[in-house]
Amino acid sequence: MLRRCMDILSECKSIWPLASRWYDILENNAKVHKTGPTKEGSMSDSVSFSADPPSPARGCDDDN
């Protein structure tokens, strides 16, 4: 997928100046992350949710 995106941006460099910048950013990012994905910032860092939703808070629309 990355290679395809870079190919498209490479073709567009001459007619779309922003494509050149995006290509360079993707190329640099690919060099830095050659070792593969890490768990840093993954969904596994999120809070585990229980199956039971919290009880609704009492608000202004209560009949009390």
C-alpha atoms as a PDB file:
ATOM      1  CA  MET A   1       0.000   0.000   0.000  1.00  0.00           C
ATOM      2  CA  LEU A   2       2.806   2.379   0.892  1.00  0.00           C
ATOM      3  CA  ARG A   3       4.622   1.596  -2.349  1.00  0.00           C
ATOM      4  CA  ARG A   4       1.452   2.286  -4.383  1.00  0.00           C
ATOM      5  CA  CYS A   5       0.895   5.629  -2.634  1.00  0.00           C
ATOM      6  CA  MET A   6       4.499   6.606  -3.254  1.00  0.00           C
ATOM      7  CA  ASP A   7       4.203   5.635  -6.931  1.00  0.00           C
ATOM      8  CA  ILE A   8       1.123   7.813  -7.350  1.00  0.00           C
ATOM      9  CA  LEU A   9       2.757  10.749  -5.589  1.00  0.00           C
ATOM     10  CA  SER A  10       5.905  10.302  -7.664  1.00  0.00           C
ATOM     11  CA  GLU A  11       3.853  10.575 -10.855  1.00  0.00           C
ATOM     12  CA  CYS A  12       2.141  13.733  -9.584  1.00  0.00           C
ATOM     13  CA  LYS A  13       5.262  15.580  -8.378  1.00  0.00           C
ATOM     14  CA  SER A  14       5.677  17.647 -11.542  1.00  0.00           C
ATOM     15  CA  ILE A  15       2.082  18.904 -11.627  1.00  0.00           C
ATOM     16  CA  TRP A  16       1.225  19.035  -7.936  1.00  0.00           C
ATOM     17  CA  PRO A  17       3.862  20.627  -5.673  1.00  0.00           C
ATOM     18  CA  LEU A  18       2.354  19.205  -2.489  1.00  0.00           C
ATOM     19  CA  ALA A  19       2.840  15.667  -3.822  1.00  0.00           C
ATOM     20  CA  SER A  20       6.590  16.141  -3.677  1.00  0.00           C
ATOM     21  CA  ARG A  21       6.455  17.068   0.002  1.00  0.00           C
ATOM     22  CA  TRP A  22       4.152  14.155   0.857  1.00  0.00           C
ATOM     23  CA  TYR A  23       6.412  11.770  -1.063  1.00  0.00           C
ATOM     24  CA  ASP A  24       9.460  12.942   0.881  1.00  0.00           C
ATOM     25  CA  ILE A  25       7.642  12.572   4.204  1.00  0.00           C
ATOM     26  CA  LEU A  26       6.477   9.037   3.363  1.00  0.00           C
ATOM     27  CA  GLU A  27       9.943   8.077   2.152  1.00  0.00           C
ATOM     28  CA  ASN A  28      11.601   9.350   5.344  1.00  0.00           C
ATOM     29  CA  ASN A  29       8.964   7.696   7.506  1.00  0.00           C
ATOM     30  CA  ALA A  30       9.475   4.366   5.709  1.00  0.00           C
ATOM     31  CA  LYS A  31      13.231   4.539   6.356  1.00  0.00           C
ATOM     32  CA  VAL A  32      12.731   5.217  10.049  1.00  0.00           C
ATOM     33  CA  HIS A  33      10.187   2.431  10.535  1.00  0.00           C
ATOM     34  CA  LYS A  34      11.795  -0.372   8.523  1.00  0.00           C
ATOM     35  CA  THR A  35      11.736  -2.658  11.543  1.00  0.00           C
ATOM     36  CA  GLY A  36       7.946  -2.951  11.335  1.00  0.00           C
ATOM     37  CA  PRO A  37       5.052  -1.694  13.364  1.00  0.00           C
ATOM     38  CA  THR A  38       5.387  -1.244  17.094  1.00  0.00           C
ATOM     39  CA  LYS A  39       2.809  -1.455  19.837  1.00  0.00           C
ATOM     40  CA  GLU A  40       3.399   2.160  20.772  1.00  0.00           C
ATOM     41  CA  GLY A  41       0.170   4.080  20.383  1.00  0.00           C
ATOM     42  CA  SER A  42      -1.836   1.009  19.455  1.00  0.00           C
ATOM     43  CA  MET A  43      -5.394   0.250  20.449  1.00  0.00           C
ATOM     44  CA  SER A  44      -4.076  -2.168  23.066  1.00  0.00           C
ATOM     45  CA  ASP A  45      -3.107   0.905  25.108  1.00  0.00           C
ATOM     46  CA  SER A  46      -6.757   1.868  25.552  1.00  0.00           C
ATOM     47  CA  VAL A  47      -8.858   1.308  28.610  1.00  0.00           C
ATOM     48  CA  SER A  48     -10.738  -1.961  28.631  1.00  0.00           C
ATOM     49  CA  PHE A  49     -14.472  -1.445  28.572  1.00  0.00           C
ATOM     50  CA  SER A  50     -16.984  -3.539  30.449  1.00  0.00           C
ATOM     51  CA  ALA A  51     -19.972  -5.135  28.748  1.00  0.00           C
ATOM     52  CA  ASP A  52     -22.368  -3.228  31.023  1.00  0.00           C
ATOM     53  CA  PRO A  53     -22.817   0.429  30.104  1.00  0.00           C
ATOM     54  CA  PRO A  54     -22.787   2.912  32.983  1.00  0.00           C
ATOM     55  CA  SER A  55     -26.138   3.908  34.417  1.00  0.00           C
ATOM     56  CA  PRO A  56     -27.487   7.148  32.962  1.00  0.00           C
ATOM     57  CA  ALA A  57     -26.836  10.273  34.963  1.00  0.00           C
ATOM     58  CA  ARG A  58     -29.786  12.082  36.440  1.00  0.00           C
ATOM     59  CA  GLY A  59     -30.333  15.237  34.490  1.00  0.00           C
ATOM     60  CA  CYS A  60     -32.689  18.149  34.089  1.00  0.00           C
ATOM     61  CA  ASP A  61     -35.322  16.103  32.292  1.00  0.00           C
ATOM     62  CA  ASP A  62     -36.050  13.892  35.340  1.00  0.00           C
ATOM     63  CA  ASP A  63     -39.582  14.005  36.725  1.00  0.00           C
ATOM     64  CA  ASN A  64     -38.441  14.797  40.285  1.00  0.00           C
END
